[in-house]
């Protein structure tokens, strides 16, 4: 039961951070979901770094590892939102925004995941 409560708490904190990023970036680039892209790329970097530290090096055990990796990062990253927002850009034929959005989330996110792993090995 402790694990479930900690994942719940971590998920709430990650969701609040995602919400804050969305609010902070509102209006910066009208029609472009920058907050979601920031949440996804930050989450990709953090999961790259933290899986190395928590799992590969076994520096943090259950249930706190799950609170951070499953709860917090699960609440922070928003790939379900990414799919919906990509669809909206597709549906409204905003092709350049769609391309930037997908590249930004997937390729930059994966590059930051790798960077997190590299930095975690230092």
N, C-alpha and C. Protein backbone atom coordinates (compact mmCIF):
# COMPACT_ATOMS: atom_id res chain seq x y z
N UNK A 1 0.82 -1.19 0.00
CA UNK A 1 0.00 0.00 0.00
C UNK A 1 0.86 1.26 0.00
N UNK A 2 2.03 1.19 0.66
CA UNK A 2 2.94 2.34 0.68
C UNK A 2 3.37 2.69 -0.73
N UNK A 3 3.69 1.68 -1.55
CA UNK A 3 4.12 1.94 -2.93
C UNK A 3 3.04 2.67 -3.72
N UNK A 4 1.80 2.25 -3.57
CA UNK A 4 0.70 2.87 -4.30
C UNK A 4 0.55 4.33 -3.90
N UNK A 5 0.64 4.61 -2.62
CA UNK A 5 0.50 5.99 -2.15
C UNK A 5 1.66 6.86 -2.63
N UNK A 6 2.86 6.31 -2.65
CA UNK A 6 4.01 7.09 -3.11
C UNK A 6 3.94 7.35 -4.62
N UNK A 7 3.49 6.36 -5.40
CA UNK A 7 3.31 6.58 -6.84
C UNK A 7 2.24 7.63 -7.06
N UNK A 8 1.18 7.57 -6.29
CA UNK A 8 0.10 8.56 -6.36
C UNK A 8 0.64 9.96 -6.06
N UNK A 9 1.42 10.09 -5.02
CA UNK A 9 2.01 11.39 -4.65
C UNK A 9 2.95 11.88 -5.75
N UNK A 10 3.83 11.00 -6.23
CA UNK A 10 4.75 11.38 -7.30
C UNK A 10 4.02 11.80 -8.56
N UNK A 11 2.96 11.06 -8.92
CA UNK A 11 2.17 11.40 -10.10
C UNK A 11 1.52 12.77 -9.98
N UNK A 12 1.03 13.08 -8.80
CA UNK A 12 0.43 14.39 -8.57
C UNK A 12 1.45 15.50 -8.72
N UNK A 13 2.65 15.30 -8.18
CA UNK A 13 3.70 16.32 -8.29
C UNK A 13 4.14 16.51 -9.74
N UNK A 14 4.29 15.40 -10.47
CA UNK A 14 4.66 15.50 -11.88
C UNK A 14 3.59 16.19 -12.70
N UNK A 15 2.35 15.90 -12.40
CA UNK A 15 1.23 16.55 -13.11
C UNK A 15 1.18 18.04 -12.84
N UNK A 16 1.45 18.42 -11.61
CA UNK A 16 1.46 19.84 -11.26
C UNK A 16 2.59 20.56 -12.00
N UNK A 17 3.75 19.91 -12.11
CA UNK A 17 4.85 20.51 -12.86
C UNK A 17 4.48 20.64 -14.33
N UNK A 18 3.88 19.61 -14.90
CA UNK A 18 3.44 19.68 -16.30
C UNK A 18 2.44 20.82 -16.50
N UNK A 19 1.49 20.92 -15.59
CA UNK A 19 0.50 22.00 -15.65
C UNK A 19 1.19 23.36 -15.58
N UNK A 20 2.15 23.49 -14.68
CA UNK A 20 2.89 24.74 -14.54
C UNK A 20 3.66 25.10 -15.79
N UNK A 21 4.28 24.12 -16.42
CA UNK A 21 4.99 24.38 -17.68
C UNK A 21 4.03 24.87 -18.75
N UNK A 22 2.86 24.26 -18.81
CA UNK A 22 1.86 24.68 -19.79
C UNK A 22 1.40 26.10 -19.56
N UNK A 23 1.17 26.44 -18.30
CA UNK A 23 0.73 27.80 -17.97
C UNK A 23 1.83 28.82 -18.24
N UNK A 24 3.07 28.45 -17.91
CA UNK A 24 4.20 29.34 -18.07
C UNK A 24 4.45 29.68 -19.54
N UNK A 25 4.23 28.71 -20.42
CA UNK A 25 4.53 28.91 -21.84
C UNK A 25 3.33 29.39 -22.65
N UNK A 26 2.16 29.46 -22.02
CA UNK A 26 0.96 29.90 -22.74
C UNK A 26 1.20 31.28 -23.34
N UNK A 27 0.92 31.41 -24.61
CA UNK A 27 1.05 32.69 -25.27
C UNK A 27 2.42 32.94 -25.88
N UNK A 28 3.43 32.11 -25.55
CA UNK A 28 4.76 32.32 -26.13
C UNK A 28 4.74 32.10 -27.64
N UNK A 29 4.12 31.02 -28.05
CA UNK A 29 3.97 30.67 -29.47
C UNK A 29 2.54 30.22 -29.68
N UNK A 30 1.63 31.14 -29.96
CA UNK A 30 0.21 30.79 -30.08
C UNK A 30 -0.03 29.63 -31.05
N UNK A 31 -0.83 28.68 -30.60
CA UNK A 31 -1.16 27.52 -31.42
C UNK A 31 -0.15 26.40 -31.35
N UNK A 32 1.00 26.62 -30.67
CA UNK A 32 2.03 25.58 -30.56
C UNK A 32 2.11 25.14 -29.11
N UNK A 33 1.96 23.84 -28.84
CA UNK A 33 1.94 23.33 -27.47
C UNK A 33 3.34 23.18 -26.86
N UNK A 34 3.99 24.30 -26.61
CA UNK A 34 5.36 24.32 -26.10
C UNK A 34 5.47 23.67 -24.72
N UNK A 35 4.49 23.91 -23.85
CA UNK A 35 4.53 23.33 -22.51
C UNK A 35 4.60 21.81 -22.54
N UNK A 36 3.82 21.19 -23.41
CA UNK A 36 3.84 19.73 -23.54
C UNK A 36 5.18 19.26 -24.06
N UNK A 37 5.73 19.98 -25.05
CA UNK A 37 7.03 19.59 -25.58
C UNK A 37 8.11 19.71 -24.51
N UNK A 38 8.07 20.77 -23.70
CA UNK A 38 9.04 20.91 -22.62
C UNK A 38 8.89 19.79 -21.59
N UNK A 39 7.66 19.46 -21.23
CA UNK A 39 7.42 18.38 -20.27
C UNK A 39 7.96 17.06 -20.80
N UNK A 40 7.70 16.76 -22.08
CA UNK A 40 8.16 15.50 -22.65
C UNK A 40 9.67 15.42 -22.75
N UNK A 41 10.31 16.50 -23.20
CA UNK A 41 11.76 16.44 -23.36
C UNK A 41 12.46 16.46 -22.00
N UNK A 42 11.94 17.23 -21.05
CA UNK A 42 12.50 17.19 -19.70
C UNK A 42 12.33 15.81 -19.08
N UNK A 43 11.15 15.23 -19.26
CA UNK A 43 10.90 13.89 -18.74
C UNK A 43 11.80 12.86 -19.39
N UNK A 44 12.06 12.98 -20.68
CA UNK A 44 12.96 12.05 -21.37
C UNK A 44 14.37 12.15 -20.81
N UNK A 45 14.85 13.39 -20.60
CA UNK A 45 16.17 13.58 -20.01
C UNK A 45 16.24 12.97 -18.61
N UNK A 46 15.23 13.28 -17.78
CA UNK A 46 15.24 12.79 -16.41
C UNK A 46 15.16 11.28 -16.32
N UNK A 47 14.35 10.66 -17.18
CA UNK A 47 14.25 9.21 -17.11
C UNK A 47 15.55 8.56 -17.59
N UNK A 48 16.23 9.19 -18.55
CA UNK A 48 17.53 8.69 -18.97
C UNK A 48 18.54 8.74 -17.84
N UNK A 49 18.59 9.86 -17.16
CA UNK A 49 19.51 10.04 -16.05
C UNK A 49 19.15 9.16 -14.86
N UNK A 50 17.89 9.18 -14.47
CA UNK A 50 17.47 8.51 -13.24
C UNK A 50 17.40 6.99 -13.37
N UNK A 51 17.11 6.46 -14.55
CA UNK A 51 17.16 4.99 -14.68
C UNK A 51 18.58 4.50 -14.52
N UNK A 52 19.53 5.27 -15.00
CA UNK A 52 20.93 4.90 -14.82
C UNK A 52 21.28 4.89 -13.34
N UNK A 53 20.89 5.93 -12.64
CA UNK A 53 21.23 6.06 -11.22
C UNK A 53 20.45 5.07 -10.36
N UNK A 54 19.15 4.99 -10.57
CA UNK A 54 18.30 4.18 -9.69
C UNK A 54 18.32 2.70 -10.02
N UNK A 55 18.36 2.35 -11.30
CA UNK A 55 18.26 0.95 -11.70
C UNK A 55 19.64 0.36 -11.97
N UNK A 56 20.37 0.96 -12.93
CA UNK A 56 21.67 0.40 -13.30
C UNK A 56 22.64 0.39 -12.13
N UNK A 57 22.65 1.45 -11.36
CA UNK A 57 23.56 1.54 -10.20
C UNK A 57 22.88 1.14 -8.90
N UNK A 58 21.60 0.87 -8.95
CA UNK A 58 20.82 0.42 -7.79
C UNK A 58 21.02 1.32 -6.57
N UNK A 59 20.95 2.65 -6.79
CA UNK A 59 21.18 3.59 -5.70
C UNK A 59 19.90 3.99 -4.97
N UNK A 60 18.77 3.60 -5.49
CA UNK A 60 17.51 3.89 -4.80
C UNK A 60 16.57 2.72 -5.03
N UNK A 61 16.06 2.16 -3.97
CA UNK A 61 15.19 1.01 -4.10
C UNK A 61 13.72 1.36 -4.04
N UNK A 62 12.90 0.32 -4.11
CA UNK A 62 11.46 0.47 -3.98
C UNK A 62 11.15 0.93 -2.57
N UNK A 63 10.09 1.62 -2.36
CA UNK A 63 9.09 2.13 -3.29
C UNK A 63 9.41 3.53 -3.82
N UNK A 64 10.53 4.11 -3.37
CA UNK A 64 10.85 5.48 -3.78
C UNK A 64 11.25 5.57 -5.24
N UNK A 65 11.88 4.52 -5.74
CA UNK A 65 12.23 4.49 -7.17
C UNK A 65 10.96 4.55 -8.01
N UNK A 66 9.94 3.79 -7.65
CA UNK A 66 8.68 3.81 -8.38
C UNK A 66 7.96 5.14 -8.22
N UNK A 67 8.09 5.76 -7.04
CA UNK A 67 7.46 7.06 -6.84
C UNK A 67 7.99 8.07 -7.86
N UNK A 68 9.29 8.03 -8.12
CA UNK A 68 9.90 8.99 -9.03
C UNK A 68 9.74 8.57 -10.49
N UNK A 69 10.12 7.31 -10.80
CA UNK A 69 10.12 6.88 -12.20
C UNK A 69 8.71 6.65 -12.75
N UNK A 70 7.85 6.04 -11.97
CA UNK A 70 6.50 5.74 -12.44
C UNK A 70 5.56 6.90 -12.14
N UNK A 71 5.58 7.36 -10.89
CA UNK A 71 4.65 8.40 -10.48
C UNK A 71 5.01 9.77 -11.04
N UNK A 72 6.15 10.33 -10.57
CA UNK A 72 6.51 11.69 -10.95
C UNK A 72 6.71 11.83 -12.46
N UNK A 73 7.55 10.98 -13.05
CA UNK A 73 7.80 11.11 -14.49
C UNK A 73 6.59 10.71 -15.32
N UNK A 74 5.78 9.78 -14.82
CA UNK A 74 4.53 9.44 -15.51
C UNK A 74 3.54 10.59 -15.49
N UNK A 75 3.52 11.34 -14.39
CA UNK A 75 2.66 12.51 -14.31
C UNK A 75 3.20 13.67 -15.13
N UNK A 76 4.52 13.75 -15.24
CA UNK A 76 5.14 14.85 -15.97
C UNK A 76 5.05 14.68 -17.47
N UNK A 77 5.39 13.52 -17.97
CA UNK A 77 5.42 13.32 -19.41
C UNK A 77 4.00 13.12 -19.93
N UNK A 78 3.79 13.53 -21.14
CA UNK A 78 2.42 13.64 -21.62
C UNK A 78 2.28 13.13 -23.05
N UNK A 79 2.69 11.90 -23.28
CA UNK A 79 2.61 11.42 -24.66
C UNK A 79 1.19 11.21 -25.13
N UNK A 80 0.26 11.04 -24.21
CA UNK A 80 -1.13 10.99 -24.67
C UNK A 80 -1.54 12.36 -25.17
N UNK A 81 -1.13 13.40 -24.48
CA UNK A 81 -1.39 14.75 -24.96
C UNK A 81 -0.66 15.01 -26.27
N UNK A 82 0.54 14.47 -26.40
CA UNK A 82 1.30 14.64 -27.63
C UNK A 82 0.51 14.09 -28.81
N UNK A 83 -0.07 12.94 -28.66
CA UNK A 83 -0.85 12.34 -29.75
C UNK A 83 -2.04 13.22 -30.12
N UNK A 84 -2.77 13.67 -29.12
CA UNK A 84 -3.94 14.50 -29.40
C UNK A 84 -3.53 15.82 -30.04
N UNK A 85 -2.53 16.47 -29.49
CA UNK A 85 -2.12 17.77 -30.02
C UNK A 85 -1.53 17.64 -31.42
N UNK A 86 -0.84 16.52 -31.69
CA UNK A 86 -0.35 16.26 -33.04
C UNK A 86 -1.52 16.10 -34.00
N UNK A 87 -2.56 15.42 -33.55
CA UNK A 87 -3.75 15.24 -34.37
C UNK A 87 -4.40 16.58 -34.69
N UNK A 88 -4.48 17.46 -33.70
CA UNK A 88 -5.07 18.78 -33.92
C UNK A 88 -4.26 19.55 -34.97
N UNK A 89 -2.93 19.52 -34.84
CA UNK A 89 -2.09 20.19 -35.84
C UNK A 89 -2.27 19.56 -37.22
N UNK A 90 -2.39 18.24 -37.27
CA UNK A 90 -2.62 17.51 -38.52
C UNK A 90 -3.97 17.88 -39.12
N UNK A 91 -4.98 17.85 -38.29
CA UNK A 91 -6.35 18.12 -38.72
C UNK A 91 -6.51 19.55 -39.25
N UNK A 92 -5.78 20.47 -38.66
CA UNK A 92 -5.87 21.87 -39.08
C UNK A 92 -4.81 22.22 -40.14
N UNK A 93 -4.14 21.19 -40.63
CA UNK A 93 -3.16 21.31 -41.72
C UNK A 93 -2.05 22.30 -41.43
N UNK A 94 -1.61 22.32 -40.18
CA UNK A 94 -0.45 23.14 -39.80
C UNK A 94 0.78 22.24 -39.87
N UNK A 95 1.21 21.95 -41.10
CA UNK A 95 2.22 20.94 -41.36
C UNK A 95 3.57 21.28 -40.75
N UNK A 96 4.02 22.51 -40.88
CA UNK A 96 5.33 22.88 -40.33
C UNK A 96 5.33 22.75 -38.81
N UNK A 97 4.26 23.22 -38.16
CA UNK A 97 4.16 23.09 -36.70
C UNK A 97 4.13 21.63 -36.28
N UNK A 98 3.40 20.81 -37.04
CA UNK A 98 3.32 19.39 -36.74
C UNK A 98 4.70 18.74 -36.83
N UNK A 99 5.44 19.05 -37.87
CA UNK A 99 6.78 18.49 -38.04
C UNK A 99 7.71 18.92 -36.91
N UNK A 100 7.71 20.20 -36.59
CA UNK A 100 8.55 20.70 -35.49
C UNK A 100 8.15 20.04 -34.18
N UNK A 101 6.87 19.92 -33.95
CA UNK A 101 6.35 19.35 -32.71
C UNK A 101 6.77 17.88 -32.56
N UNK A 102 6.61 17.10 -33.61
CA UNK A 102 6.98 15.69 -33.54
C UNK A 102 8.49 15.51 -33.42
N UNK A 103 9.25 16.25 -34.21
CA UNK A 103 10.71 16.15 -34.13
C UNK A 103 11.19 16.60 -32.76
N UNK A 104 10.62 17.71 -32.28
CA UNK A 104 11.02 18.22 -30.97
C UNK A 104 10.77 17.22 -29.86
N UNK A 105 9.63 16.59 -29.87
CA UNK A 105 9.30 15.64 -28.81
C UNK A 105 10.06 14.33 -28.94
N UNK A 106 10.10 13.76 -30.12
CA UNK A 106 10.66 12.42 -30.27
C UNK A 106 12.19 12.45 -30.40
N UNK A 107 12.71 13.16 -31.38
CA UNK A 107 14.15 13.13 -31.60
C UNK A 107 14.93 13.89 -30.53
N UNK A 108 14.48 15.09 -30.20
CA UNK A 108 15.17 15.83 -29.14
C UNK A 108 15.00 15.12 -27.80
N UNK A 109 13.81 14.59 -27.55
CA UNK A 109 13.58 13.84 -26.32
C UNK A 109 14.51 12.64 -26.21
N UNK A 110 14.69 11.89 -27.29
CA UNK A 110 15.58 10.73 -27.26
C UNK A 110 17.03 11.18 -27.09
N UNK A 111 17.43 12.26 -27.75
CA UNK A 111 18.78 12.78 -27.60
C UNK A 111 19.04 13.19 -26.15
N UNK A 112 18.05 13.81 -25.52
CA UNK A 112 18.21 14.19 -24.11
C UNK A 112 18.21 12.98 -23.19
N UNK A 113 17.49 11.93 -23.56
CA UNK A 113 17.56 10.68 -22.81
C UNK A 113 19.00 10.16 -22.83
N UNK A 114 19.60 10.14 -24.02
CA UNK A 114 21.00 9.68 -24.14
C UNK A 114 21.93 10.59 -23.36
N UNK A 115 21.71 11.90 -23.42
CA UNK A 115 22.53 12.84 -22.66
C UNK A 115 22.42 12.58 -21.16
N UNK A 116 21.23 12.32 -20.69
CA UNK A 116 21.03 11.98 -19.28
C UNK A 116 21.81 10.75 -18.88
N UNK A 117 21.83 9.74 -19.74
CA UNK A 117 22.60 8.52 -19.46
C UNK A 117 24.09 8.83 -19.42
N UNK A 118 24.56 9.64 -20.37
CA UNK A 118 25.99 9.99 -20.43
C UNK A 118 26.39 10.79 -19.19
N UNK A 119 25.60 11.80 -18.85
CA UNK A 119 25.91 12.62 -17.68
C UNK A 119 25.86 11.80 -16.38
N UNK A 120 24.97 10.85 -16.35
CA UNK A 120 24.85 9.99 -15.17
C UNK A 120 26.04 9.07 -14.99
N UNK A 121 26.80 8.83 -16.04
CA UNK A 121 27.97 7.97 -15.95
C UNK A 121 29.22 8.72 -15.52
N UNK A 122 29.16 10.04 -15.46
CA UNK A 122 30.34 10.84 -15.09
C UNK A 122 30.65 10.72 -13.61
